[in-house]
């Protein structure tokens, strides 16, 4: 099970869900961009931003949906994505949807990332994407090295921390584990693993989150 901390059946969460249904019904019956944003969503996003130590977050229906919305909003046909060869399927699908050129680097290998960046030309914008904790093998991304490469080449760095939250960094995930707050541009999080419910979110700089509010599908 992905219910790492046993929270899916915690009495406090069950009671909170009951109270929310009594107040709000079973849902807003509309997408967020029309009339589907409740004060409950905004409170959740504020709490998540405080939890991750970032300026802002935006929530989605799932972690998978967060990746599908985020990657195409950040890069497009004139751009390139440098992607770890063992990244999660949601990252792969989001990258394909973006239309950007996808260049894979060897798993968890910052030197190979440096190599493929040096060999790649003719793009407008670039994005490096890595899982934080890789879902199949459980190994941890070498984020400090990836961050150095990203900063050296002035490339955005995106980390999917679905399996790191609740496990690393005092529960805050792999970015906090390495002390790289404010050096990772985009963090994808999920409520569907350690937090015991369902949903996803994106955490990061206010400008990126506002961009996703307008452009994230």
N, C-alpha and C. Protein backbone atom coordinates (compact mmCIF):
# COMPACT_ATOMS: atom_id res chain seq x y z
N UNK A 1 0.83 -1.19 0.00
CA UNK A 1 0.00 0.00 0.00
C UNK A 1 0.87 1.25 0.00
N UNK A 2 0.34 2.34 -0.56
CA UNK A 2 1.02 3.64 -0.51
C UNK A 2 0.60 4.45 0.70
N UNK A 3 -0.22 3.90 1.55
CA UNK A 3 -0.69 4.59 2.76
C UNK A 3 0.41 4.49 3.82
N UNK A 4 1.55 5.16 3.56
CA UNK A 4 2.78 4.95 4.31
C UNK A 4 2.62 5.16 5.82
N UNK A 5 1.84 6.14 6.21
CA UNK A 5 1.75 6.50 7.62
C UNK A 5 0.44 6.04 8.27
N UNK A 6 -0.36 5.28 7.53
CA UNK A 6 -1.61 4.78 8.09
C UNK A 6 -2.66 5.85 8.31
N UNK A 7 -2.56 6.96 7.60
CA UNK A 7 -3.49 8.07 7.85
C UNK A 7 -4.85 7.90 7.18
N UNK A 8 -4.96 6.97 6.22
CA UNK A 8 -6.22 6.84 5.49
C UNK A 8 -7.39 6.50 6.40
N UNK A 9 -7.11 5.83 7.52
CA UNK A 9 -8.17 5.45 8.45
C UNK A 9 -8.03 6.14 9.80
N UNK A 10 -7.27 7.23 9.83
CA UNK A 10 -7.07 7.94 11.09
C UNK A 10 -8.38 8.62 11.51
N UNK A 11 -8.75 8.51 12.78
CA UNK A 11 -10.02 9.10 13.23
C UNK A 11 -10.16 10.59 12.93
N UNK A 12 -9.07 11.35 13.04
CA UNK A 12 -9.15 12.79 12.80
C UNK A 12 -9.46 13.08 11.34
N UNK A 13 -8.87 12.31 10.42
CA UNK A 13 -9.15 12.53 9.01
C UNK A 13 -10.57 12.12 8.66
N UNK A 14 -11.02 11.01 9.22
CA UNK A 14 -12.40 10.58 8.96
C UNK A 14 -13.40 11.62 9.46
N UNK A 15 -13.15 12.18 10.64
CA UNK A 15 -14.06 13.18 11.19
C UNK A 15 -14.04 14.46 10.36
N UNK A 16 -12.85 14.86 9.90
CA UNK A 16 -12.74 16.06 9.06
C UNK A 16 -13.50 15.87 7.75
N UNK A 17 -13.43 14.66 7.17
CA UNK A 17 -14.15 14.39 5.93
C UNK A 17 -15.66 14.46 6.14
N UNK A 18 -16.13 13.91 7.25
CA UNK A 18 -17.57 13.95 7.57
C UNK A 18 -18.03 15.40 7.71
N UNK A 19 -17.25 16.20 8.44
CA UNK A 19 -17.63 17.60 8.65
C UNK A 19 -17.62 18.38 7.34
N UNK A 20 -16.66 18.08 6.47
CA UNK A 20 -16.58 18.79 5.19
C UNK A 20 -17.79 18.45 4.31
N UNK A 21 -18.19 17.18 4.31
CA UNK A 21 -19.35 16.79 3.51
C UNK A 21 -20.62 17.46 4.04
N UNK A 22 -20.73 17.55 5.36
CA UNK A 22 -21.91 18.21 5.94
C UNK A 22 -21.99 19.67 5.53
N UNK A 23 -20.83 20.32 5.41
CA UNK A 23 -20.81 21.75 5.09
C UNK A 23 -20.85 22.02 3.59
N UNK A 24 -20.10 21.22 2.80
CA UNK A 24 -19.90 21.54 1.40
C UNK A 24 -20.62 20.59 0.43
N UNK A 25 -21.19 19.49 0.94
CA UNK A 25 -21.67 18.46 0.04
C UNK A 25 -20.50 17.59 -0.41
N UNK A 26 -20.72 16.83 -1.47
CA UNK A 26 -19.66 15.89 -1.89
C UNK A 26 -18.69 16.52 -2.89
N UNK A 27 -18.89 17.76 -3.29
CA UNK A 27 -17.97 18.41 -4.20
C UNK A 27 -18.57 19.66 -4.80
N UNK A 28 -17.77 20.47 -5.49
CA UNK A 28 -18.25 21.73 -6.05
C UNK A 28 -19.03 21.57 -7.35
N UNK A 29 -18.99 20.37 -7.97
CA UNK A 29 -19.74 20.09 -9.21
C UNK A 29 -19.32 20.98 -10.38
N UNK A 30 -18.07 21.43 -10.36
CA UNK A 30 -17.54 22.22 -11.47
C UNK A 30 -16.02 22.23 -11.38
N UNK A 31 -15.38 22.50 -12.51
CA UNK A 31 -13.93 22.61 -12.49
C UNK A 31 -13.51 23.90 -11.79
N UNK A 32 -12.27 23.91 -11.32
CA UNK A 32 -11.78 25.05 -10.53
C UNK A 32 -11.88 26.37 -11.29
N UNK A 33 -11.60 26.32 -12.59
CA UNK A 33 -11.51 27.57 -13.35
C UNK A 33 -12.86 28.20 -13.66
N UNK A 34 -13.97 27.49 -13.39
CA UNK A 34 -15.29 28.09 -13.61
C UNK A 34 -15.84 28.53 -12.26
N UNK A 35 -16.55 27.66 -11.56
CA UNK A 35 -17.06 28.02 -10.23
C UNK A 35 -16.73 26.91 -9.23
N UNK A 36 -15.62 26.20 -9.48
CA UNK A 36 -15.31 25.03 -8.67
C UNK A 36 -14.34 25.27 -7.54
N UNK A 37 -13.93 26.52 -7.29
CA UNK A 37 -13.01 26.81 -6.20
C UNK A 37 -13.79 27.17 -4.94
N UNK A 38 -13.59 26.39 -3.89
CA UNK A 38 -14.19 26.65 -2.60
C UNK A 38 -13.15 27.24 -1.65
N UNK A 39 -13.60 27.85 -0.58
CA UNK A 39 -12.63 28.33 0.41
C UNK A 39 -11.82 27.17 0.98
N UNK A 40 -12.37 25.96 0.92
CA UNK A 40 -11.65 24.77 1.36
C UNK A 40 -10.40 24.53 0.51
N UNK A 41 -10.53 24.73 -0.81
CA UNK A 41 -9.36 24.60 -1.69
C UNK A 41 -8.27 25.61 -1.32
N UNK A 42 -8.69 26.85 -1.08
CA UNK A 42 -7.72 27.91 -0.79
C UNK A 42 -7.03 27.66 0.55
N UNK A 43 -7.79 27.16 1.53
CA UNK A 43 -7.19 26.84 2.83
C UNK A 43 -6.20 25.70 2.68
N UNK A 44 -6.56 24.70 1.89
CA UNK A 44 -5.65 23.58 1.64
C UNK A 44 -4.35 24.06 1.01
N UNK A 45 -4.47 24.90 -0.01
CA UNK A 45 -3.28 25.37 -0.71
C UNK A 45 -2.39 26.23 0.18
N UNK A 46 -2.98 27.00 1.05
CA UNK A 46 -2.19 27.80 1.99
C UNK A 46 -1.44 26.89 2.97
N UNK A 47 -2.13 25.88 3.49
CA UNK A 47 -1.50 24.95 4.43
C UNK A 47 -0.39 24.15 3.75
N UNK A 48 -0.62 23.76 2.50
CA UNK A 48 0.41 23.01 1.77
C UNK A 48 1.64 23.88 1.52
N UNK A 49 1.44 25.16 1.21
CA UNK A 49 2.57 26.06 1.00
C UNK A 49 3.38 26.22 2.28
N UNK A 50 2.69 26.33 3.41
CA UNK A 50 3.38 26.42 4.69
C UNK A 50 4.15 25.14 4.99
N UNK A 51 3.53 24.00 4.68
CA UNK A 51 4.14 22.70 4.90
C UNK A 51 5.42 22.53 4.08
N UNK A 52 5.37 22.96 2.81
CA UNK A 52 6.53 22.78 1.93
C UNK A 52 7.53 23.93 2.03
N UNK A 53 7.17 25.01 2.72
CA UNK A 53 8.09 26.13 2.85
C UNK A 53 8.29 26.89 1.56
N UNK A 54 7.21 27.04 0.79
CA UNK A 54 7.27 27.76 -0.50
C UNK A 54 6.23 28.87 -0.50
N UNK A 55 6.33 29.81 -1.44
CA UNK A 55 5.36 30.91 -1.47
C UNK A 55 3.94 30.48 -1.80
N UNK A 56 3.77 29.45 -2.64
CA UNK A 56 2.42 29.14 -3.11
C UNK A 56 2.31 27.70 -3.57
N UNK A 57 1.07 27.18 -3.59
CA UNK A 57 0.77 25.88 -4.18
C UNK A 57 -0.55 25.96 -4.94
N UNK A 58 -0.77 25.00 -5.81
CA UNK A 58 -2.06 24.83 -6.47
C UNK A 58 -2.39 23.36 -6.44
N UNK A 59 -3.65 23.03 -6.14
CA UNK A 59 -4.04 21.63 -5.99
C UNK A 59 -4.70 21.11 -7.26
N UNK A 60 -4.57 19.79 -7.47
CA UNK A 60 -5.16 19.10 -8.61
C UNK A 60 -5.86 17.83 -8.11
N UNK A 61 -6.56 17.16 -9.03
CA UNK A 61 -7.32 15.97 -8.65
C UNK A 61 -6.42 14.80 -8.27
N UNK A 62 -5.19 14.79 -8.79
CA UNK A 62 -4.26 13.71 -8.48
C UNK A 62 -2.84 14.18 -8.79
N UNK A 63 -1.86 13.44 -8.30
CA UNK A 63 -0.48 13.74 -8.65
C UNK A 63 -0.24 13.54 -10.14
N UNK A 64 -0.87 12.54 -10.71
CA UNK A 64 -0.77 12.30 -12.15
C UNK A 64 -1.28 13.51 -12.92
N UNK A 65 -2.44 14.03 -12.50
CA UNK A 65 -3.02 15.21 -13.16
C UNK A 65 -2.12 16.43 -13.00
N UNK A 66 -1.46 16.54 -11.86
CA UNK A 66 -0.56 17.67 -11.63
C UNK A 66 0.59 17.67 -12.64
N UNK A 67 1.17 16.48 -12.90
CA UNK A 67 2.24 16.40 -13.89
C UNK A 67 1.72 16.68 -15.29
N UNK A 68 0.54 16.14 -15.62
CA UNK A 68 -0.02 16.36 -16.95
C UNK A 68 -0.31 17.84 -17.19
N UNK A 69 -0.70 18.57 -16.16
CA UNK A 69 -1.02 19.99 -16.30
C UNK A 69 0.23 20.86 -16.33
N UNK A 70 1.23 20.48 -15.52
CA UNK A 70 2.36 21.37 -15.28
C UNK A 70 3.36 21.38 -16.42
N UNK A 71 3.77 20.22 -16.88
CA UNK A 71 4.84 20.18 -17.90
C UNK A 71 4.44 20.93 -19.16
N UNK A 72 3.23 20.69 -19.74
CA UNK A 72 2.87 21.44 -20.95
C UNK A 72 2.68 22.94 -20.72
N UNK A 73 2.43 23.34 -19.48
CA UNK A 73 2.28 24.77 -19.20
C UNK A 73 3.64 25.47 -19.14
N UNK A 74 4.71 24.73 -18.88
CA UNK A 74 6.04 25.32 -18.72
C UNK A 74 6.88 25.27 -19.99
N UNK A 75 6.68 24.23 -20.80
CA UNK A 75 7.47 24.09 -22.03
C UNK A 75 6.57 23.66 -23.17
N UNK A 76 7.05 23.93 -24.41
CA UNK A 76 6.27 23.61 -25.60
C UNK A 76 7.16 23.16 -26.74
N UNK A 77 6.67 23.31 -27.95
CA UNK A 77 7.33 22.73 -29.12
C UNK A 77 8.72 23.29 -29.40
N UNK A 78 8.98 24.50 -28.95
CA UNK A 78 10.30 25.10 -29.20
C UNK A 78 11.31 24.76 -28.10
N UNK A 79 10.88 23.94 -27.14
CA UNK A 79 11.68 23.74 -25.93
C UNK A 79 12.19 22.30 -25.82
N UNK A 80 12.95 22.05 -24.76
CA UNK A 80 13.52 20.72 -24.53
C UNK A 80 13.35 20.33 -23.07
N UNK A 81 13.11 19.04 -22.85
CA UNK A 81 13.02 18.47 -21.51
C UNK A 81 14.15 17.48 -21.32
N UNK A 82 14.91 17.64 -20.26
CA UNK A 82 15.94 16.67 -19.88
C UNK A 82 15.35 15.82 -18.76
N UNK A 83 15.12 14.54 -19.06
CA UNK A 83 14.33 13.68 -18.18
C UNK A 83 15.13 12.44 -17.78
N UNK A 84 15.12 12.14 -16.48
CA UNK A 84 15.73 10.90 -15.99
C UNK A 84 15.06 9.71 -16.68
N UNK A 85 15.85 8.73 -17.10
CA UNK A 85 15.31 7.62 -17.87
C UNK A 85 14.35 6.73 -17.08
N UNK A 86 14.32 6.86 -15.75
CA UNK A 86 13.40 6.07 -14.93
C UNK A 86 12.28 6.91 -14.31
N UNK A 87 12.02 8.08 -14.88
CA UNK A 87 10.95 8.92 -14.36
C UNK A 87 9.59 8.22 -14.47
N UNK A 88 8.66 8.65 -13.59
CA UNK A 88 7.33 8.06 -13.51
C UNK A 88 6.54 8.29 -14.80
N UNK A 89 5.59 7.40 -15.05
CA UNK A 89 4.77 7.47 -16.27
C UNK A 89 4.05 8.80 -16.42
N UNK A 90 3.65 9.41 -15.31
CA UNK A 90 2.94 10.69 -15.40
C UNK A 90 3.85 11.80 -15.93
N UNK A 91 5.14 11.73 -15.58
CA UNK A 91 6.11 12.69 -16.13
C UNK A 91 6.29 12.44 -17.62
N UNK A 92 6.39 11.17 -17.99
CA UNK A 92 6.55 10.82 -19.41
C UNK A 92 5.35 11.31 -20.21
N UNK A 93 4.14 11.06 -19.71
CA UNK A 93 2.93 11.49 -20.43
C UNK A 93 2.83 13.01 -20.51
N UNK A 94 3.14 13.70 -19.40
CA UNK A 94 3.12 15.15 -19.41
C UNK A 94 4.12 15.73 -20.39
N UNK A 95 5.30 15.11 -20.46
CA UNK A 95 6.33 15.56 -21.39
C UNK A 95 5.89 15.38 -22.83
N UNK A 96 5.27 14.24 -23.12
CA UNK A 96 4.77 14.00 -24.48
C UNK A 96 3.69 15.00 -24.86
N UNK A 97 2.80 15.30 -23.93
CA UNK A 97 1.72 16.25 -24.20
C UNK A 97 2.26 17.65 -24.50
N UNK A 98 3.40 17.98 -23.93
CA UNK A 98 3.95 19.33 -24.10
C UNK A 98 4.40 19.60 -25.52
N UNK A 99 4.77 18.56 -26.24
CA UNK A 99 5.32 18.73 -27.57
C UNK A 99 6.79 19.08 -27.59
N UNK A 100 7.39 19.25 -26.42
CA UNK A 100 8.81 19.59 -26.35
C UNK A 100 9.67 18.38 -26.73
N UNK A 101 10.88 18.66 -27.17
CA UNK A 101 11.83 17.58 -27.43
C UNK A 101 12.23 16.94 -26.10
N UNK A 102 12.24 15.64 -26.03
CA UNK A 102 12.58 14.93 -24.79
C UNK A 102 13.96 14.29 -24.95
N UNK A 103 14.88 14.68 -24.07
CA UNK A 103 16.23 14.11 -24.06
C UNK A 103 16.42 13.41 -22.73
N UNK A 104 16.61 12.11 -22.78
CA UNK A 104 16.77 11.34 -21.54
C UNK A 104 18.24 11.27 -21.14
N UNK A 105 18.47 11.31 -19.83
CA UNK A 105 19.82 11.09 -19.31
C UNK A 105 19.82 9.85 -18.42
N UNK A 106 21.01 9.27 -18.24
CA UNK A 106 21.13 8.05 -17.46
C UNK A 106 20.60 8.24 -16.05
N UNK A 107 20.01 7.19 -15.52
CA UNK A 107 19.34 7.27 -14.23
C UNK A 107 20.24 7.81 -13.13
N UNK A 108 19.77 8.91 -12.53
CA UNK A 108 20.42 9.50 -11.35
C UNK A 108 21.88 9.84 -11.61
N UNK A 109 22.18 10.30 -12.82
CA UNK A 109 23.56 10.54 -13.23
C UNK A 109 23.71 12.00 -13.67
N UNK A 110 24.18 12.84 -12.76
CA UNK A 110 24.32 14.27 -13.07
C UNK A 110 25.37 14.52 -14.13
N UNK A 111 26.40 13.67 -14.17
CA UNK A 111 27.43 13.83 -15.20
C UNK A 111 26.86 13.58 -16.59
N UNK A 112 25.98 12.58 -16.70
CA UNK A 112 25.36 12.32 -17.99
C UNK A 112 24.37 13.42 -18.34
N UNK A 113 23.70 13.97 -17.35
CA UNK A 113 22.82 15.13 -17.59
C UNK A 113 23.64 16.28 -18.15
N UNK A 114 24.79 16.55 -17.55
CA UNK A 114 25.67 17.60 -18.05
C UNK A 114 26.08 17.33 -19.49
N UNK A 115 26.36 16.06 -19.78
CA UNK A 115 26.77 15.69 -21.14
C UNK A 115 25.66 15.96 -22.16
N UNK A 116 24.43 15.51 -21.86
CA UNK A 116 23.36 15.66 -22.86
C UNK A 116 22.96 17.12 -23.03
N UNK A 117 23.07 17.91 -21.96
CA UNK A 117 22.81 19.35 -22.09
C UNK A 117 23.82 19.97 -23.04
N UNK A 118 25.09 19.58 -22.89
CA UNK A 118 26.13 20.13 -23.75
C UNK A 118 25.97 19.74 -25.21
N UNK A 119 25.33 18.60 -25.45
CA UNK A 119 25.16 18.11 -26.82
C UNK A 119 23.86 18.59 -27.47
N UNK A 120 23.01 19.27 -26.70
CA UNK A 120 21.70 19.68 -27.20
C UNK A 120 21.68 21.17 -27.50
N UNK A 121 21.25 21.51 -28.69
CA UNK A 121 21.21 22.91 -29.11
C UNK A 121 19.87 23.21 -29.78
N UNK A 122 19.65 24.49 -30.08
CA UNK A 122 18.50 24.89 -30.88
C UNK A 122 17.18 24.85 -30.15
N UNK A 123 17.18 25.24 -28.88
CA UNK A 123 15.92 25.28 -28.15
C UNK A 123 15.77 26.64 -27.48
N UNK A 124 14.52 26.97 -27.15
CA UNK A 124 14.20 28.25 -26.52
C UNK A 124 14.35 28.18 -25.00
N UNK A 125 13.72 27.18 -24.41
CA UNK A 125 13.68 27.04 -22.96
C UNK A 125 13.89 25.58 -22.62
N UNK A 126 14.44 25.32 -21.44
CA UNK A 126 14.70 23.93 -21.04
C UNK A 126 14.15 23.67 -19.64
N UNK A 127 13.88 22.39 -19.38
CA UNK A 127 13.35 21.95 -18.10
C UNK A 127 13.98 20.61 -17.75
N UNK A 128 14.58 20.53 -16.57
CA UNK A 128 15.09 19.26 -16.05
C UNK A 128 14.03 18.67 -15.13
N UNK A 129 13.70 17.38 -15.33
CA UNK A 129 12.69 16.73 -14.49
C UNK A 129 13.25 15.44 -13.91
N UNK A 130 13.02 15.26 -12.62
CA UNK A 130 13.42 14.01 -11.95
C UNK A 130 12.42 13.66 -10.88
N UNK A 131 12.19 12.36 -10.70
CA UNK A 131 11.51 11.93 -9.48
C UNK A 131 12.38 12.28 -8.29
N UNK A 132 11.76 12.46 -7.12
CA UNK A 132 12.52 12.67 -5.89
C UNK A 132 12.96 11.34 -5.29
N UNK A 133 11.98 10.47 -5.05
CA UNK A 133 12.23 9.07 -4.73
C UNK A 133 11.60 8.27 -5.86
N UNK A 134 12.40 7.44 -6.52
CA UNK A 134 11.93 6.73 -7.70
C UNK A 134 11.01 5.58 -7.29
N UNK A 135 9.84 5.54 -7.93
CA UNK A 135 8.75 4.71 -7.44
C UNK A 135 9.02 3.21 -7.57
N UNK A 136 9.80 2.80 -8.54
CA UNK A 136 10.02 1.37 -8.74
C UNK A 136 11.16 0.82 -7.88
N UNK A 137 12.25 1.59 -7.76
CA UNK A 137 13.43 1.10 -7.04
C UNK A 137 13.59 1.69 -5.64
N UNK A 138 12.95 2.82 -5.40
CA UNK A 138 13.05 3.43 -4.08
C UNK A 138 14.32 4.21 -3.84
N UNK A 139 15.14 4.40 -4.88
CA UNK A 139 16.36 5.18 -4.67
C UNK A 139 16.04 6.67 -4.73
N UNK A 140 16.92 7.45 -4.11
CA UNK A 140 16.69 8.89 -3.94
C UNK A 140 17.49 9.67 -4.98
N UNK A 141 16.84 10.63 -5.62
CA UNK A 141 17.53 11.47 -6.60
C UNK A 141 18.67 12.23 -5.93
N UNK A 142 19.76 12.36 -6.64
CA UNK A 142 20.91 13.11 -6.15
C UNK A 142 20.68 14.59 -6.45
N UNK A 143 19.74 15.17 -5.73
CA UNK A 143 19.28 16.52 -6.03
C UNK A 143 20.35 17.60 -5.94
N UNK A 144 21.26 17.54 -4.96
CA UNK A 144 22.28 18.59 -4.94
C UNK A 144 23.06 18.68 -6.24
N UNK A 145 23.42 17.53 -6.81
CA UNK A 145 24.17 17.53 -8.07
C UNK A 145 23.30 18.00 -9.22
N UNK A 146 22.03 17.57 -9.24
CA UNK A 146 21.13 18.04 -10.30
C UNK A 146 20.91 19.54 -10.20
N UNK A 147 20.80 20.04 -8.96
CA UNK A 147 20.63 21.48 -8.76
C UNK A 147 21.81 22.28 -9.25
N UNK A 148 23.01 21.77 -9.04
CA UNK A 148 24.21 22.47 -9.52
C UNK A 148 24.22 22.55 -11.04
N UNK A 149 23.85 21.46 -11.70
CA UNK A 149 23.80 21.46 -13.16
C UNK A 149 22.75 22.45 -13.65
N UNK A 150 21.57 22.44 -13.01
CA UNK A 150 20.49 23.34 -13.42
C UNK A 150 20.91 24.80 -13.26
N UNK A 151 21.54 25.13 -12.14
CA UNK A 151 21.96 26.51 -11.91
C UNK A 151 23.08 26.92 -12.85
N UNK A 152 23.99 26.01 -13.13
CA UNK A 152 25.11 26.32 -14.03
C UNK A 152 24.61 26.68 -15.43
N UNK A 153 23.55 25.98 -15.89
CA UNK A 153 23.04 26.21 -17.24
C UNK A 153 21.79 27.09 -17.25
N UNK A 154 21.37 27.60 -16.09
CA UNK A 154 20.18 28.45 -15.98
C UNK A 154 18.95 27.74 -16.56
N UNK A 155 18.73 26.51 -16.09
CA UNK A 155 17.61 25.69 -16.53
C UNK A 155 16.68 25.44 -15.34
N UNK A 156 15.36 25.49 -15.59
CA UNK A 156 14.40 25.18 -14.53
C UNK A 156 14.55 23.73 -14.07
N UNK A 157 14.36 23.51 -12.77
CA UNK A 157 14.44 22.17 -12.20
C UNK A 157 13.10 21.80 -11.57
N UNK A 158 12.55 20.67 -11.99
CA UNK A 158 11.27 20.18 -11.50
C UNK A 158 11.46 18.81 -10.87
N UNK A 159 10.89 18.61 -9.68
CA UNK A 159 11.03 17.35 -8.95
C UNK A 159 9.64 16.83 -8.58
N UNK A 160 9.39 15.56 -8.88
CA UNK A 160 8.17 14.90 -8.45
C UNK A 160 8.45 14.19 -7.13
N UNK A 161 7.89 14.72 -6.06
CA UNK A 161 8.22 14.25 -4.71
C UNK A 161 7.12 13.37 -4.11
N UNK A 162 6.37 12.67 -4.97
CA UNK A 162 5.23 11.88 -4.51
C UNK A 162 5.62 10.87 -3.43
N UNK A 163 6.77 10.23 -3.59
CA UNK A 163 7.15 9.16 -2.67
C UNK A 163 8.12 9.62 -1.59
N UNK A 164 8.51 10.89 -1.62
CA UNK A 164 9.41 11.40 -0.59
C UNK A 164 8.69 12.02 0.59
N UNK A 165 7.51 12.56 0.32
CA UNK A 165 6.76 13.24 1.39
C UNK A 165 6.29 12.23 2.44
N UNK A 166 6.40 12.64 3.68
CA UNK A 166 6.05 11.76 4.78
C UNK A 166 7.16 10.80 5.14
N UNK A 167 8.22 10.76 4.33
CA UNK A 167 9.30 9.80 4.53
C UNK A 167 10.63 10.51 4.79
N UNK A 168 10.91 11.53 4.00
CA UNK A 168 12.19 12.24 4.08
C UNK A 168 11.98 13.68 4.54
N UNK A 169 13.05 14.31 4.97
CA UNK A 169 13.02 15.74 5.28
C UNK A 169 12.03 16.10 6.37
N UNK A 170 11.94 15.29 7.42
CA UNK A 170 10.97 15.55 8.47
C UNK A 170 9.54 15.48 7.98
N UNK A 171 9.32 14.72 6.92
CA UNK A 171 8.00 14.59 6.32
C UNK A 171 7.76 15.53 5.16
N UNK A 172 8.62 16.53 5.00
CA UNK A 172 8.40 17.53 3.95
C UNK A 172 8.95 17.11 2.59
N UNK A 173 9.69 16.03 2.56
CA UNK A 173 10.11 15.49 1.28
C UNK A 173 11.57 15.64 0.98
N UNK A 174 11.91 15.27 -0.26
CA UNK A 174 13.31 15.15 -0.65
C UNK A 174 14.01 16.51 -0.75
N UNK A 175 13.28 17.55 -1.13
CA UNK A 175 13.91 18.88 -1.23
C UNK A 175 14.35 19.35 0.14
N UNK A 176 13.48 19.19 1.13
CA UNK A 176 13.84 19.54 2.50
C UNK A 176 14.93 18.63 3.03
N UNK A 177 14.92 17.37 2.63
CA UNK A 177 15.94 16.40 3.05
C UNK A 177 17.33 16.89 2.70
N UNK A 178 17.46 17.50 1.52
CA UNK A 178 18.76 18.00 1.07
C UNK A 178 18.95 19.48 1.37
N UNK A 179 17.96 20.13 1.99
CA UNK A 179 18.08 21.55 2.29
C UNK A 179 18.12 22.42 1.06
N UNK A 180 17.33 22.07 0.05
CA UNK A 180 17.37 22.79 -1.22
C UNK A 180 16.13 23.66 -1.44
N UNK A 181 15.47 24.05 -0.35
CA UNK A 181 14.33 24.94 -0.48
C UNK A 181 14.73 26.20 -1.25
N UNK A 182 13.84 26.63 -2.14
CA UNK A 182 14.04 27.83 -2.98
C UNK A 182 15.09 27.64 -4.07
N UNK A 183 15.64 26.42 -4.19
CA UNK A 183 16.56 26.14 -5.29
C UNK A 183 15.95 25.19 -6.31
N UNK A 184 14.82 24.59 -5.96
CA UNK A 184 14.05 23.77 -6.89
C UNK A 184 12.86 24.60 -7.35
N UNK A 185 12.72 24.78 -8.65
CA UNK A 185 11.70 25.69 -9.17
C UNK A 185 10.28 25.15 -9.01
N UNK A 186 10.11 23.85 -9.23
CA UNK A 186 8.77 23.26 -9.22
C UNK A 186 8.82 21.93 -8.47
N UNK A 187 7.94 21.77 -7.48
CA UNK A 187 7.78 20.49 -6.80
C UNK A 187 6.37 19.97 -7.06
N UNK A 188 6.29 18.73 -7.50
CA UNK A 188 5.01 18.05 -7.62
C UNK A 188 4.81 17.22 -6.36
N UNK A 189 3.67 17.40 -5.72
CA UNK A 189 3.37 16.63 -4.52
C UNK A 189 2.09 15.85 -4.69
N UNK A 190 1.85 14.90 -3.80
CA UNK A 190 0.62 14.13 -3.85
C UNK A 190 0.03 13.99 -2.46
N UNK A 191 -1.28 13.90 -2.42
CA UNK A 191 -1.97 13.61 -1.17
C UNK A 191 -2.31 12.13 -1.08
N UNK A 192 -1.95 11.38 -2.12
CA UNK A 192 -2.43 10.01 -2.29
C UNK A 192 -1.47 8.95 -1.75
N UNK A 193 -0.37 9.38 -1.16
CA UNK A 193 0.58 8.40 -0.62
C UNK A 193 0.62 8.55 0.90
N UNK A 194 1.61 9.26 1.42
CA UNK A 194 1.77 9.34 2.88
C UNK A 194 0.60 10.05 3.56
N UNK A 195 -0.06 10.98 2.86
CA UNK A 195 -1.11 11.76 3.51
C UNK A 195 -2.46 11.03 3.51
N UNK A 196 -2.55 9.90 2.84
CA UNK A 196 -3.66 8.99 3.06
C UNK A 196 -4.99 9.33 2.42
N UNK A 197 -5.03 10.33 1.53
CA UNK A 197 -6.30 10.66 0.88
C UNK A 197 -6.11 10.56 -0.64
N UNK A 198 -6.54 11.54 -1.40
CA UNK A 198 -6.32 11.53 -2.84
C UNK A 198 -6.19 12.97 -3.32
N UNK A 199 -5.36 13.17 -4.33
CA UNK A 199 -5.16 14.52 -4.86
C UNK A 199 -3.69 14.77 -5.14
N UNK A 200 -3.42 15.88 -5.80
CA UNK A 200 -2.04 16.27 -6.08
C UNK A 200 -1.91 17.77 -6.00
N UNK A 201 -0.69 18.25 -6.03
CA UNK A 201 -0.48 19.70 -6.00
C UNK A 201 0.88 20.04 -6.57
N UNK A 202 1.04 21.30 -6.90
CA UNK A 202 2.31 21.84 -7.36
C UNK A 202 2.72 22.94 -6.39
N UNK A 203 3.97 22.90 -5.97
CA UNK A 203 4.50 23.88 -5.02
C UNK A 203 5.68 24.59 -5.65
N UNK A 204 5.78 25.91 -5.38
CA UNK A 204 6.92 26.63 -5.93
C UNK A 204 6.76 28.13 -5.84
N UNK A 205 7.43 28.81 -6.76
CA UNK A 205 7.42 30.26 -6.80
C UNK A 205 6.02 30.77 -7.16
N UNK A 206 5.67 31.93 -6.61
CA UNK A 206 4.34 32.49 -6.83
C UNK A 206 4.05 32.69 -8.32
N UNK A 207 5.07 33.13 -9.08
CA UNK A 207 4.85 33.39 -10.50
C UNK A 207 4.49 32.11 -11.25
N UNK A 208 5.15 31.01 -10.89
CA UNK A 208 4.87 29.74 -11.56
C UNK A 208 3.48 29.24 -11.19
N UNK A 209 3.12 29.35 -9.92
CA UNK A 209 1.81 28.88 -9.48
C UNK A 209 0.70 29.70 -10.12
N UNK A 210 0.87 31.01 -10.21
CA UNK A 210 -0.13 31.85 -10.86
C UNK A 210 -0.23 31.51 -12.35
N UNK A 211 0.90 31.23 -12.97
CA UNK A 211 0.90 30.81 -14.37
C UNK A 211 0.08 29.53 -14.54
N UNK A 212 0.25 28.59 -13.61
CA UNK A 212 -0.50 27.33 -13.68
C UNK A 212 -1.99 27.55 -13.44
N UNK A 213 -2.33 28.52 -12.62
CA UNK A 213 -3.76 28.82 -12.41
C UNK A 213 -4.41 29.27 -13.72
N UNK A 214 -3.63 29.95 -14.55
CA UNK A 214 -4.17 30.46 -15.80
C UNK A 214 -4.01 29.47 -16.96
N UNK A 215 -2.91 28.70 -16.94
CA UNK A 215 -2.55 27.91 -18.12
C UNK A 215 -2.55 26.40 -17.89
N UNK A 216 -2.60 25.94 -16.64
CA UNK A 216 -2.59 24.51 -16.38
C UNK A 216 -3.92 23.89 -16.76
N UNK A 217 -3.88 22.89 -17.61
CA UNK A 217 -5.14 22.26 -18.06
C UNK A 217 -5.63 21.26 -17.03
